[in-house]
PDB file of N, CA and C in Angstrom:
ATOM      1  N   UNK A   1     116.336  72.914 156.634  1.00  0.00           N
ATOM      2  CA  UNK A   1     117.418  73.113 155.641  1.00  0.00           C
ATOM      3  C   UNK A   1     116.895  72.023 154.383  1.00  0.00           C
ATOM      4  N   UNK A   2     116.264  70.871 154.766  1.00  0.00           N
ATOM      5  CA  UNK A   2     115.711  70.095 153.686  1.00  0.00           C
ATOM      6  C   UNK A   2     114.740  70.678 152.947  1.00  0.00           C
ATOM      7  N   UNK A   3     114.039  71.610 153.615  1.00  0.00           N
ATOM      8  CA  UNK A   3     112.675  72.123 152.859  1.00  0.00           C
ATOM      9  C   UNK A   3     113.371  73.230 152.021  1.00  0.00           C
ATOM     10  N   UNK A   4     114.421  74.099 152.218  1.00  0.00           N
ATOM     11  CA  UNK A   4     114.966  74.976 151.426  1.00  0.00           C
ATOM     12  C   UNK A   4     115.628  74.456 149.946  1.00  0.00           C
ATOM     13  N   UNK A   5     116.445  73.259 150.353  1.00  0.00           N
ATOM     14  CA  UNK A   5     117.077  72.768 149.095  1.00  0.00           C
ATOM     15  C   UNK A   5     115.831  71.845 148.457  1.00  0.00           C
ATOM     16  N   UNK A   6     114.868  71.460 148.765  1.00  0.00           N
ATOM     17  CA  UNK A   6     113.578  70.902 147.941  1.00  0.00           C
ATOM     18  C   UNK A   6     113.019  72.304 147.093  1.00  0.00           C
ATOM     19  N   UNK A   7     112.915  73.024 147.831  1.00  0.00           N
ATOM     20  CA  UNK A   7     112.232  74.360 147.010  1.00  0.00           C
ATOM     21  C   UNK A   7     113.211  74.788 146.081  1.00  0.00           C
ATOM     22  N   UNK A   8     114.423  74.778 146.284  1.00  0.00           N
ATOM     23  CA  UNK A   8     115.562  75.150 145.183  1.00  0.00           C
ATOM     24  C   UNK A   8     115.648  74.264 144.178  1.00  0.00           C
ATOM     25  N   UNK A   9     115.523  73.124 144.321  1.00  0.00           N
ATOM     26  CA  UNK A   9     115.434  71.910 143.264  1.00  0.00           C
ATOM     27  C   UNK A   9     114.196  72.192 142.476  1.00  0.00           C
ATOM     28  N   UNK A  10     113.114  72.109 143.073  1.00  0.00           N
ATOM     29  CA  UNK A  10     111.653  72.451 142.389  1.00  0.00           C
ATOM     30  C   UNK A  10     111.735  73.885 141.499  1.00  0.00           C
ATOM     31  N   UNK A  11     112.359  74.803 142.096  1.00  0.00           N
ATOM     32  CA  UNK A  11     112.596  76.105 141.411  1.00  0.00           C
ATOM     33  C   UNK A  11     113.592  75.944 139.812  1.00  0.00           C
ATOM     34  N   UNK A  12     114.463  75.050 140.068  1.00  0.00           N
ATOM     35  CA  UNK A  12     115.194  75.018 139.035  1.00  0.00           C
ATOM     36  C   UNK A  12     114.741  74.036 137.809  1.00  0.00           C
ATOM     37  N   UNK A  13     113.770  73.112 138.126  1.00  0.00           N
ATOM     38  CA  UNK A  13     113.455  72.244 137.324  1.00  0.00           C
ATOM     39  C   UNK A  13     112.643  72.986 136.200  1.00  0.00           C
ATOM     40  N   UNK A  14     111.967  72.099 134.992  1.00  0.00           N
ATOM     41  CA  UNK A  14     111.524  72.776 134.001  1.00  0.00           C
ATOM     42  C   UNK A  14     109.958  72.933 134.236  1.00  0.00           C
ATOM     43  N   UNK A  15     109.302  73.805 133.555  1.00  0.00           N
ATOM     44  CA  UNK A  15     108.009  74.261 134.080  1.00  0.00           C
ATOM     45  C   UNK A  15     107.070  73.276 133.818  1.00  0.00           C
ATOM     46  N   UNK A  16     106.070  73.108 134.877  1.00  0.00           N
ATOM     47  CA  UNK A  16     105.030  72.012 134.663  1.00  0.00           C
ATOM     48  C   UNK A  16     104.263  72.261 133.224  1.00  0.00           C
ATOM     49  N   UNK A  17     103.665  71.299 132.439  1.00  0.00           N
ATOM     50  CA  UNK A  17     103.080  71.346 131.459  1.00  0.00           C
ATOM     51  C   UNK A  17     101.878  72.395 131.558  1.00  0.00           C
ATOM     52  N   UNK A  18     101.803  73.284 130.417  1.00  0.00           N
ATOM     53  CA  UNK A  18     100.568  74.274 130.225  1.00  0.00           C
ATOM     54  C   UNK A  18     101.028  75.574 131.163  1.00  0.00           C
ATOM     55  N   UNK A  19     102.082  75.532 132.062  1.00  0.00           N
ATOM     56  CA  UNK A  19     102.463  76.937 132.522  1.00  0.00           C
ATOM     57  C   UNK A  19     103.793  77.564 131.947  1.00  0.00           C
ATOM     58  N   UNK A  20     104.420  77.100 130.952  1.00  0.00           N
ATOM     59  CA  UNK A  20     105.577  77.669 130.330  1.00  0.00           C
ATOM     60  C   UNK A  20     105.516  78.488 129.201  1.00  0.00           C
ATOM     61  N   UNK A  21     106.481  79.122 128.841  1.00  0.00           N
ATOM     62  CA  UNK A  21     106.836  79.799 127.731  1.00  0.00           C
ATOM     63  C   UNK A  21     105.907  80.957 127.274  1.00  0.00           C
ATOM     64  N   UNK A  22     104.766  80.839 127.776  1.00  0.00           N
ATOM     65  CA  UNK A  22     103.792  82.024 127.119  1.00  0.00           C
ATOM     66  C   UNK A  22     103.535  82.037 125.583  1.00  0.00           C
ATOM     67  N   UNK A  23     102.934  83.038 125.085  1.00  0.00           N
ATOM     68  CA  UNK A  23     102.541  83.102 123.842  1.00  0.00           C
ATOM     69  C   UNK A  23     104.008  83.682 123.127  1.00  0.00           C
ATOM     70  N   UNK A  24     104.178  83.157 121.961  1.00  0.00           N
ATOM     71  CA  UNK A  24     105.462  83.640 121.018  1.00  0.00           C
ATOM     72  C   UNK A  24     105.165  84.952 120.590  1.00  0.00           C
ATOM     73  N   UNK A  25     103.889  85.176 120.090  1.00  0.00           N
ATOM     74  CA  UNK A  25     103.466  86.365 119.669  1.00  0.00           C
ATOM     75  C   UNK A  25     103.734  87.452 120.461  1.00  0.00           C
ATOM     76  N   UNK A  26     103.354  87.415 121.691  1.00  0.00           N
ATOM     77  CA  UNK A  26     103.586  88.213 122.853  1.00  0.00           C
ATOM     78  C   UNK A  26     105.126  88.863 122.929  1.00  0.00           C
ATOM     79  N   UNK A  27     105.972  88.034 122.450  1.00  0.00           N
ATOM     80  CA  UNK A  27     107.501  88.349 122.478  1.00  0.00           C
ATOM     81  C   UNK A  27     107.948  89.310 121.512  1.00  0.00           C
ATOM     82  N   UNK A  28     107.059  89.171 120.439  1.00  0.00           N
ATOM     83  CA  UNK A  28     107.344  89.885 119.283  1.00  0.00           C
ATOM     84  C   UNK A  28     106.706  91.530 119.222  1.00  0.00           C
ATOM     85  N   UNK A  29     105.717  91.614 120.295  1.00  0.00           N
ATOM     86  CA  UNK A  29     104.854  92.860 120.152  1.00  0.00           C
ATOM     87  C   UNK A  29     105.735  93.886 120.304  1.00  0.00           C
ATOM     88  N   UNK A  30     106.785  94.079 121.473  1.00  0.00           N
ATOM     89  CA  UNK A  30     107.648  95.317 121.437  1.00  0.00           C
ATOM     90  C   UNK A  30     108.492  95.448 120.467  1.00  0.00           C
ATOM     91  N   UNK A  31     109.117  94.537 119.484  1.00  0.00           N
ATOM     92  CA  UNK A  31     109.621  94.650 118.350  1.00  0.00           C
ATOM     93  C   UNK A  31     108.763  95.310 117.229  1.00  0.00           C
ATOM     94  N   UNK A  32     107.530  94.859 117.136  1.00  0.00           N
ATOM     95  CA  UNK A  32     106.670  95.169 116.132  1.00  0.00           C
ATOM     96  C   UNK A  32     106.394  96.909 116.540  1.00  0.00           C
ATOM     97  N   UNK A  33     106.053  97.140 117.867  1.00  0.00           N
ATOM     98  CA  UNK A  33     105.756  98.874 118.176  1.00  0.00           C
ATOM     99  C   UNK A  33     107.046  99.546 117.866  1.00  0.00           C
ATOM    100  N   UNK A  34     108.462  98.867 118.088  1.00  0.00           N
ATOM    101  CA  UNK A  34     109.536  99.658 117.713  1.00  0.00           C
ATOM    102  C   UNK A  34     109.377  99.999 116.320  1.00  0.00           C
ATOM    103  N   UNK A  35     109.327  99.011 115.475  1.00  0.00           N
ATOM    104  CA  UNK A  35     109.206  99.087 113.885  1.00  0.00           C
ATOM    105  C   UNK A  35     108.352 100.231 113.579  1.00  0.00           C
ATOM    106  N   UNK A  36     107.001 100.261 114.028  1.00  0.00           N
ATOM    107  CA  UNK A  36     106.034 101.322 113.918  1.00  0.00           C
ATOM    108  C   UNK A  36     106.644 102.629 114.064  1.00  0.00           C
ATOM    109  N   UNK A  37     107.181 102.963 115.443  1.00  0.00           N
ATOM    110  CA  UNK A  37     107.546 104.008 115.892  1.00  0.00           C
ATOM    111  C   UNK A  37     108.567 104.669 114.858  1.00  0.00           C
ATOM    112  N   UNK A  38     109.360 103.704 114.532  1.00  0.00           N
ATOM    113  CA  UNK A  38     110.551 104.185 113.529  1.00  0.00           C
ATOM    114  C   UNK A  38     109.959 104.448 112.198  1.00  0.00           C
ATOM    115  N   UNK A  39     109.152 103.649 111.841  1.00  0.00           N
ATOM    116  CA  UNK A  39     108.580 103.986 110.336  1.00  0.00           C
ATOM    117  C   UNK A  39     107.810 105.327 110.461  1.00  0.00           C
ATOM    118  N   UNK A  40     106.977 105.725 111.450  1.00  0.00           N
ATOM    119  CA  UNK A  40     106.369 107.066 111.535  1.00  0.00           C
ATOM    120  C   UNK A  40     107.383 108.130 111.734  1.00  0.00           C
ATOM    121  N   UNK A  41     108.296 108.106 112.544  1.00  0.00           N
ATOM    122  CA  UNK A  41     109.185 109.040 112.945  1.00  0.00           C
ATOM    123  C   UNK A  41     110.328 109.253 111.939  1.00  0.00           C
ATOM    124  N   UNK A  42     110.765 108.139 111.300  1.00  0.00           N
ATOM    125  CA  UNK A  42     112.098 108.357 110.433  1.00  0.00           C
ATOM    126  C   UNK A  42     111.709 108.055 109.093  1.00  0.00           C
ATOM    127  N   UNK A  43     111.262 106.874 108.814  1.00  0.00           N
ATOM    128  CA  UNK A  43     111.142 106.241 107.385  1.00  0.00           C
ATOM    129  C   UNK A  43     110.285 107.142 106.450  1.00  0.00           C
ATOM    130  N   UNK A  44     109.054 107.142 107.098  1.00  0.00           N
ATOM    131  CA  UNK A  44     108.078 107.873 106.233  1.00  0.00           C
ATOM    132  C   UNK A  44     108.203 109.464 105.979  1.00  0.00           C
ATOM    133  N   UNK A  45     108.786 110.301 106.907  1.00  0.00           N
ATOM    134  CA  UNK A  45     109.196 111.750 106.672  1.00  0.00           C
ATOM    135  C   UNK A  45     110.305 111.568 105.585  1.00  0.00           C
ATOM    136  N   UNK A  46     111.214 110.887 105.555  1.00  0.00           N
ATOM    137  CA  UNK A  46     112.362 110.525 104.842  1.00  0.00           C
ATOM    138  C   UNK A  46     111.768 110.479 103.340  1.00  0.00           C
ATOM    139  N   UNK A  47     110.932 109.455 103.172  1.00  0.00           N
ATOM    140  CA  UNK A  47     110.413 109.051 101.813  1.00  0.00           C
ATOM    141  C   UNK A  47     109.636 110.330 101.281  1.00  0.00           C
ATOM    142  N   UNK A  48     108.934 111.302 102.138  1.00  0.00           N
ATOM    143  CA  UNK A  48     108.200 112.099 101.796  1.00  0.00           C
ATOM    144  C   UNK A  48     109.081 113.227 101.144  1.00  0.00           C
ATOM    145  N   UNK A  49     110.034 113.620 102.062  1.00  0.00           N
ATOM    146  CA  UNK A  49     111.091 114.719 101.579  1.00  0.00           C
ATOM    147  C   UNK A  49     111.852 114.249 100.330  1.00  0.00           C
ATOM    148  N   UNK A  50     112.120 113.014 100.191  1.00  0.00           N
ATOM    149  CA  UNK A  50     112.885 112.550  98.982  1.00  0.00           C
ATOM    150  C   UNK A  50     111.866 112.564  97.719  1.00  0.00           C
ATOM    151  N   UNK A  51     110.376 112.139  97.829  1.00  0.00           N
ATOM    152  CA  UNK A  51     109.620 112.466  96.822  1.00  0.00           C
ATOM    153  C   UNK A  51     109.420 113.942  96.412  1.00  0.00           C
ATOM    154  N   UNK A  52     109.256 114.908  97.456  1.00  0.00           N
ATOM    155  CA  UNK A  52     109.088 116.471  97.119  1.00  0.00           C
ATOM    156  C   UNK A  52     110.532 116.853  96.486  1.00  0.00           C
ATOM    157  N   UNK A  53     111.847 116.564  96.867  1.00  0.00           N
ATOM    158  CA  UNK A  53     112.725 116.911  95.981  1.00  0.00           C
ATOM    159  C   UNK A  53     113.055 116.267  94.526  1.00  0.00           C
ATOM    160  N   UNK A  54     112.357 115.023  94.300  1.00  0.00           N
ATOM    161  CA  UNK A  54     112.449 114.517  93.024  1.00  0.00           C
ATOM    162  C   UNK A  54     111.132 115.325  92.124  1.00  0.00           C
ATOM    163  N   UNK A  55     110.265 115.694  92.834  1.00  0.00           N
ATOM    164  CA  UNK A  55     109.147 116.650  92.056  1.00  0.00           C
ATOM    165  C   UNK A  55     109.873 118.013  91.735  1.00  0.00           C
ATOM    166  N   UNK A  56     110.594 118.510  92.694  1.00  0.00           N
ATOM    167  CA  UNK A  56     111.185 119.894  92.630  1.00  0.00           C
ATOM    168  C   UNK A  56     112.275 119.766  91.216  1.00  0.00           C
ATOM    169  N   UNK A  57     112.999 118.648  91.150  1.00  0.00           N
ATOM    170  CA  UNK A  57     114.044 118.568  90.073  1.00  0.00           C
ATOM    171  C   UNK A  57     113.531 118.197  88.782  1.00  0.00           C
ATOM    172  N   UNK A  58     112.163 117.923  88.774  1.00  0.00           N
ATOM    173  CA  UNK A  58     111.529 117.241  87.454  1.00  0.00           C
ATOM    174  C   UNK A  58     110.918 118.739  86.872  1.00  0.00           C
ATOM    175  N   UNK A  59     110.679 119.603  87.851  1.00  0.00           N
ATOM    176  CA  UNK A  59     109.807 120.802  87.358  1.00  0.00           C
ATOM    177  C   UNK A  59     110.758 122.056  87.191  1.00  0.00           C
ATOM    178  N   UNK A  60     112.111 121.742  87.044  1.00  0.00           N
ATOM    179  CA  UNK A  60     113.008 122.851  87.148  1.00  0.00           C
ATOM    180  C   UNK A  60     112.901 123.481  85.777  1.00  0.00           C
ATOM    181  N   UNK A  61     112.780 124.725  85.297  1.00  0.00           N
ATOM    182  CA  UNK A  61     112.824 125.223  83.988  1.00  0.00           C
ATOM    183  C   UNK A  61     113.712 126.592  84.139  1.00  0.00           C
ATOM    184  N   UNK A  62     114.049 126.979  82.863  1.00  0.00           N
ATOM    185  CA  UNK A  62     114.831 128.064  82.664  1.00  0.00           C
ATOM    186  C   UNK A  62     114.241 129.276  83.246  1.00  0.00           C
ATOM    187  N   UNK A  63     115.148 129.958  84.002  1.00  0.00           N
ATOM    188  CA  UNK A  63     114.623 131.442  84.656  1.00  0.00           C
ATOM    189  C   UNK A  63     114.329 131.428  86.104  1.00  0.00           C
ATOM    190  N   UNK A  64     114.299 129.966  86.535  1.00  0.00           N
ATOM    191  CA  UNK A  64     114.034 129.860  87.953  1.00  0.00           C
ATOM    192  C   UNK A  64     115.360 130.009  88.721  1.00  0.00           C
ATOM    193  N   UNK A  65     115.118 130.633  89.938  1.00  0.00           N
ATOM    194  CA  UNK A  65     116.215 130.899  90.836  1.00  0.00           C
ATOM    195  C   UNK A  65     116.323 129.783  91.774  1.00  0.00           C
ATOM    196  N   UNK A  66     117.619 129.199  92.047  1.00  0.00           N
ATOM    197  CA  UNK A  66     117.749 128.016  92.800  1.00  0.00           C
ATOM    198  C   UNK A  66     118.932 128.179  93.741  1.00  0.00           C
ATOM    199  N   UNK A  67     118.973 127.468  94.762  1.00  0.00           N
ATOM    200  CA  UNK A  67     120.183 127.271  95.716  1.00  0.00           C
ATOM    201  C   UNK A  67     120.746 125.948  95.367  1.00  0.00           C
ATOM    202  N   UNK A  68     122.002 125.754  95.665  1.00  0.00           N
ATOM    203  CA  UNK A  68     122.699 124.426  95.291  1.00  0.00           C
ATOM    204  C   UNK A  68     123.015 123.908  96.680  1.00  0.00           C
ATOM    205  N   UNK A  69     123.202 122.640  96.615  1.00  0.00           N
ATOM    206  CA  UNK A  69     123.722 121.900  97.977  1.00  0.00           C
ATOM    207  C   UNK A  69     124.920 122.554  98.520  1.00  0.00           C
ATOM    208  N   UNK A  70     125.851 123.283  97.617  1.00  0.00           N
ATOM    209  CA  UNK A  70     126.925 123.946  98.052  1.00  0.00           C
ATOM    210  C   UNK A  70     126.974 125.213  98.478  1.00  0.00           C
ATOM    211  N   UNK A  71     125.732 125.818  98.437  1.00  0.00           N
ATOM    212  CA  UNK A  71     125.085 127.334  98.656  1.00  0.00           C
ATOM    213  C   UNK A  71     125.243 128.278  97.524  1.00  0.00           C
ATOM    214  N   UNK A  72     125.531 127.694  96.507  1.00  0.00           N
ATOM    215  CA  UNK A  72     125.465 128.694  95.139  1.00  0.00           C
ATOM    216  C   UNK A  72     123.879 129.164  95.043  1.00  0.00           C
ATOM    217  N   UNK A  73     123.735 130.455  94.624  1.00  0.00           N
ATOM    218  CA  UNK A  73     122.413 131.062  94.284  1.00  0.00           C
ATOM    219  C   UNK A  73     122.775 131.468  93.010  1.00  0.00           C
ATOM    220  N   UNK A  74     121.801 131.105  92.199  1.00  0.00           N
ATOM    221  CA  UNK A  74     121.895 131.649  90.815  1.00  0.00           C
ATOM    222  C   UNK A  74     120.390 131.093  89.885  1.00  0.00           C
ATOM    223  N   UNK A  75     120.427 131.788  88.745  1.00  0.00           N
ATOM    224  CA  UNK A  75     119.397 131.453  87.909  1.00  0.00           C
ATOM    225  C   UNK A  75     119.819 130.657  86.832  1.00  0.00           C
ATOM    226  N   UNK A  76     118.674 129.635  86.722  1.00  0.00           N
ATOM    227  CA  UNK A  76     118.862 128.646  85.717  1.00  0.00           C
ATOM    228  C   UNK A  76     119.030 129.327  84.308  1.00  0.00           C
ATOM    229  N   UNK A  77     119.929 128.848  83.241  1.00  0.00           N
ATOM    230  CA  UNK A  77     120.033 129.207  82.251  1.00  0.00           C
ATOM    231  C   UNK A  77     119.514 128.030  81.029  1.00  0.00           C
ATOM    232  N   UNK A  78     120.049 126.679  81.473  1.00  0.00           N
ATOM    233  CA  UNK A  78     119.700 125.722  80.859  1.00  0.00           C
ATOM    234  C   UNK A  78     119.440 124.349  81.679  1.00  0.00           C
ATOM    235  N   UNK A  79     118.575 123.469  81.176  1.00  0.00           N
ATOM    236  CA  UNK A  79     118.315 122.272  81.811  1.00  0.00           C
ATOM    237  C   UNK A  79     118.358 121.066  81.092  1.00  0.00           C
ATOM    238  N   UNK A  80     119.155 120.159  81.309  1.00  0.00           N
ATOM    239  CA  UNK A  80     119.093 118.926  80.918  1.00  0.00           C
ATOM    240  C   UNK A  80     118.737 117.629  81.751  1.00  0.00           C
ATOM    241  N   UNK A  81     119.149 116.480  80.975  1.00  0.00           N
ATOM    242  CA  UNK A  81     118.365 115.265  82.087  1.00  0.00           C
ATOM    243  C   UNK A  81     119.338 115.144  83.297  1.00  0.00           C
ATOM    244  N   UNK A  82     120.556 115.547  83.274  1.00  0.00           N
ATOM    245  CA  UNK A  82     121.513 115.578  84.449  1.00  0.00           C
ATOM    246  C   UNK A  82     122.119 116.816  84.837  1.00  0.00           C
ATOM    247  N   UNK A  83     122.396 117.761  83.834  1.00  0.00           N
ATOM    248  CA  UNK A  83     123.052 118.978  84.156  1.00  0.00           C
ATOM    249  C   UNK A  83     122.126 120.228  84.216  1.00  0.00           C
ATOM    250  N   UNK A  84     122.454 121.073  85.014  1.00  0.00           N
ATOM    251  CA  UNK A  84     121.911 122.321  85.110  1.00  0.00           C
ATOM    252  C   UNK A  84     122.981 123.373  84.776  1.00  0.00           C
ATOM    253  N   UNK A  85     122.707 124.535  83.974  1.00  0.00           N
ATOM    254  CA  UNK A  85     123.561 125.719  83.830  1.00  0.00           C
ATOM    255  C   UNK A  85     123.101 126.770  84.629  1.00  0.00           C
ATOM    256  N   UNK A  86     123.691 127.361  85.689  1.00  0.00           N
ATOM    257  CA  UNK A  86     123.382 128.537  86.322  1.00  0.00           C
ATOM    258  C   UNK A  86     124.158 129.737  85.987  1.00  0.00           C
ATOM    259  N   UNK A  87     123.585 130.737  86.232  1.00  0.00           N
ATOM    260  CA  UNK A  87     124.069 132.151  86.008  1.00  0.00           C
ATOM    261  C   UNK A  87     124.221 132.731  87.628  1.00  0.00           C
ATOM    262  N   UNK A  88     125.539 133.065  87.911  1.00  0.00           N
ATOM    263  CA  UNK A  88     125.655 133.584  89.310  1.00  0.00           C
ATOM    264  C   UNK A  88     125.815 135.145  89.169  1.00  0.00           C
ATOM    265  N   UNK A  89     125.033 135.845  89.942  1.00  0.00           N
ATOM    266  CA  UNK A  89     124.988 137.321  89.913  1.00  0.00           C
ATOM    267  C   UNK A  89     126.185 137.769  90.960  1.00  0.00           C
ATOM    268  N   UNK A  90     126.664 138.950  90.945  1.00  0.00           N
ATOM    269  CA  UNK A  90     126.547 139.918  90.056  1.00  0.00           C
ATOM    270  C   UNK A  90     127.318 139.937  88.783  1.00  0.00           C
ATOM    271  N   UNK A  91     128.298 139.036  88.484  1.00  0.00           N
ATOM    272  CA  UNK A  91     129.228 139.119  87.385  1.00  0.00           C
ATOM    273  C   UNK A  91     128.804 138.219  86.357  1.00  0.00           C
ATOM    274  N   UNK A  92     127.783 137.420  86.157  1.00  0.00           N
ATOM    275  CA  UNK A  92     126.961 136.733  85.347  1.00  0.00           C
ATOM    276  C   UNK A  92     128.074 135.597  85.203  1.00  0.00           C
ATOM    277  N   UNK A  93     128.564 134.735  86.059  1.00  0.00           N
ATOM    278  CA  UNK A  93     129.235 133.636  85.851  1.00  0.00           C
ATOM    279  C   UNK A  93     128.315 132.619  85.553  1.00  0.00           C
ATOM    280  N   UNK A  94     128.848 131.766  84.549  1.00  0.00           N
ATOM    281  CA  UNK A  94     128.234 130.520  84.173  1.00  0.00           C
ATOM    282  C   UNK A  94     128.712 129.523  84.851  1.00  0.00           C
ATOM    283  N   UNK A  95     127.975 128.437  85.452  1.00  0.00           N
ATOM    284  CA  UNK A  95     128.525 127.320  86.270  1.00  0.00           C
ATOM    285  C   UNK A  95     127.604 126.000  85.906  1.00  0.00           C
ATOM    286  N   UNK A  96     127.983 124.848  85.674  1.00  0.00           N
ATOM    287  CA  UNK A  96     127.244 123.852  85.429  1.00  0.00           C
ATOM    288  C   UNK A  96     127.412 122.917  86.619  1.00  0.00           C
ATOM    289  N   UNK A  97     126.248 122.344  87.053  1.00  0.00           N
ATOM    290  CA  UNK A  97     126.060 121.592  88.161  1.00  0.00           C
ATOM    291  C   UNK A  97     125.340 120.276  87.830  1.00  0.00           C
ATOM    292  N   UNK A  98     125.519 119.146  88.627  1.00  0.00           N
ATOM    293  CA  UNK A  98     124.594 118.085  88.469  1.00  0.00           C
ATOM    294  C   UNK A  98     123.322 118.494  89.087  1.00  0.00           C
ATOM    295  N   UNK A  99     122.370 118.009  88.464  1.00  0.00           N
ATOM    296  CA  UNK A  99     120.950 118.334  88.496  1.00  0.00           C
ATOM    297  C   UNK A  99     120.528 117.919  90.135  1.00  0.00           C
ATOM    298  N   UNK A 100     121.191 116.925  90.647  1.00  0.00           N
ATOM    299  CA  UNK A 100     120.681 116.170  91.914  1.00  0.00           C
ATOM    300  C   UNK A 100     121.286 117.274  92.925  1.00  0.00           C
ATOM    301  N   UNK A 101     122.082 118.259  92.828  1.00  0.00           N
ATOM    302  CA  UNK A 101     122.818 118.926  93.668  1.00  0.00           C
ATOM    303  C   UNK A 101     121.873 120.344  93.837  1.00  0.00           C
ATOM    304  N   UNK A 102     120.922 120.672  93.242  1.00  0.00           N
ATOM    305  CA  UNK A 102     120.024 121.628  93.435  1.00  0.00           C
ATOM    306  C   UNK A 102     119.169 121.284  94.725  1.00  0.00           C
ATOM    307  N   UNK A 103     119.293 122.317  95.653  1.00  0.00           N
ATOM    308  CA  UNK A 103     118.622 121.917  96.917  1.00  0.00           C
ATOM    309  C   UNK A 103     117.442 122.500  97.082  1.00  0.00           C
ATOM    310  N   UNK A 104     116.942 123.554  96.206  1.00  0.00           N
ATOM    311  CA  UNK A 104     115.794 124.252  96.319  1.00  0.00           C
ATOM    312  C   UNK A 104     115.433 125.309  95.592  1.00  0.00           C
ATOM    313  N   UNK A 105     114.169 125.894  95.322  1.00  0.00           N
ATOM    314  CA  UNK A 105     113.937 127.176  94.778  1.00  0.00           C
ATOM    315  C   UNK A 105     114.135 128.257  95.599  1.00  0.00           C
ATOM    316  N   UNK A 106     114.758 129.459  95.243  1.00  0.00           N
ATOM    317  CA  UNK A 106     114.667 130.724  96.231  1.00  0.00           C
ATOM    318  C   UNK A 106     113.310 131.588  96.044  1.00  0.00           C
ATOM    319  N   UNK A 107     113.027 132.141  96.986  1.00  0.00           N
ATOM    320  CA  UNK A 107     111.843 132.958  96.941  1.00  0.00           C
ATOM    321  C   UNK A 107     111.805 133.861  95.656  1.00  0.00           C
ATOM    322  N   UNK A 108     110.553 134.301  95.542  1.00  0.00           N
ATOM    323  CA  UNK A 108     110.515 135.342  94.386  1.00  0.00           C
ATOM    324  C   UNK A 108     110.959 136.816  94.667  1.00  0.00           C
ATOM    325  N   UNK A 109     111.246 137.149  95.908  1.00  0.00           N
ATOM    326  CA  UNK A 109     111.847 138.415  96.321  1.00  0.00           C
ATOM    327  C   UNK A 109     113.083 138.719  95.709  1.00  0.00           C
ATOM    328  N   UNK A 110     114.112 137.378  95.497  1.00  0.00           N
ATOM    329  CA  UNK A 110     115.332 137.548  94.894  1.00  0.00           C
ATOM    330  C   UNK A 110     115.265 137.832  93.586  1.00  0.00           C
ATOM    331  N   UNK A 111     114.360 137.469  92.794  1.00  0.00           N
ATOM    332  CA  UNK A 111     114.347 137.847  91.213  1.00  0.00           C
ATOM    333  C   UNK A 111     114.138 139.274  90.926  1.00  0.00           C
ATOM    334  N   UNK A 112     113.377 140.030  91.939  1.00  0.00           N
ATOM    335  CA  UNK A 112     113.301 141.616  91.949  1.00  0.00           C
ATOM    336  C   UNK A 112     114.642 142.221  92.011  1.00  0.00           C
ATOM    337  N   UNK A 113     115.667 141.809  92.532  1.00  0.00           N
ATOM    338  CA  UNK A 113     116.918 142.354  92.801  1.00  0.00           C
ATOM    339  C   UNK A 113     117.778 142.363  91.783  1.00  0.00           C
TER     340      UNK A 113
END
């Protein structure tokens, strides 16, 4: 019984010099790896997509067929810094939308219709 208590007391004591704690950098390696994975799987693709959308908005011109974030399909009649005027077929309705709500260009096949 005394041996068990002695071993328990020894186990509860502070670690001997030179054997405790480990390397502090080794504790941060999992966090660094998690950040790297998040960067390549989430942050970097989102930045690429945002850059592509900014380039799309800068290159809009009169006559382009676009789709809006709300699902409207139309042809651009006028482009300003913040507003785009669309013509919606078949009744040629004119709508002004915020430029940031243009989701993408439509394929050229739609222009033939």
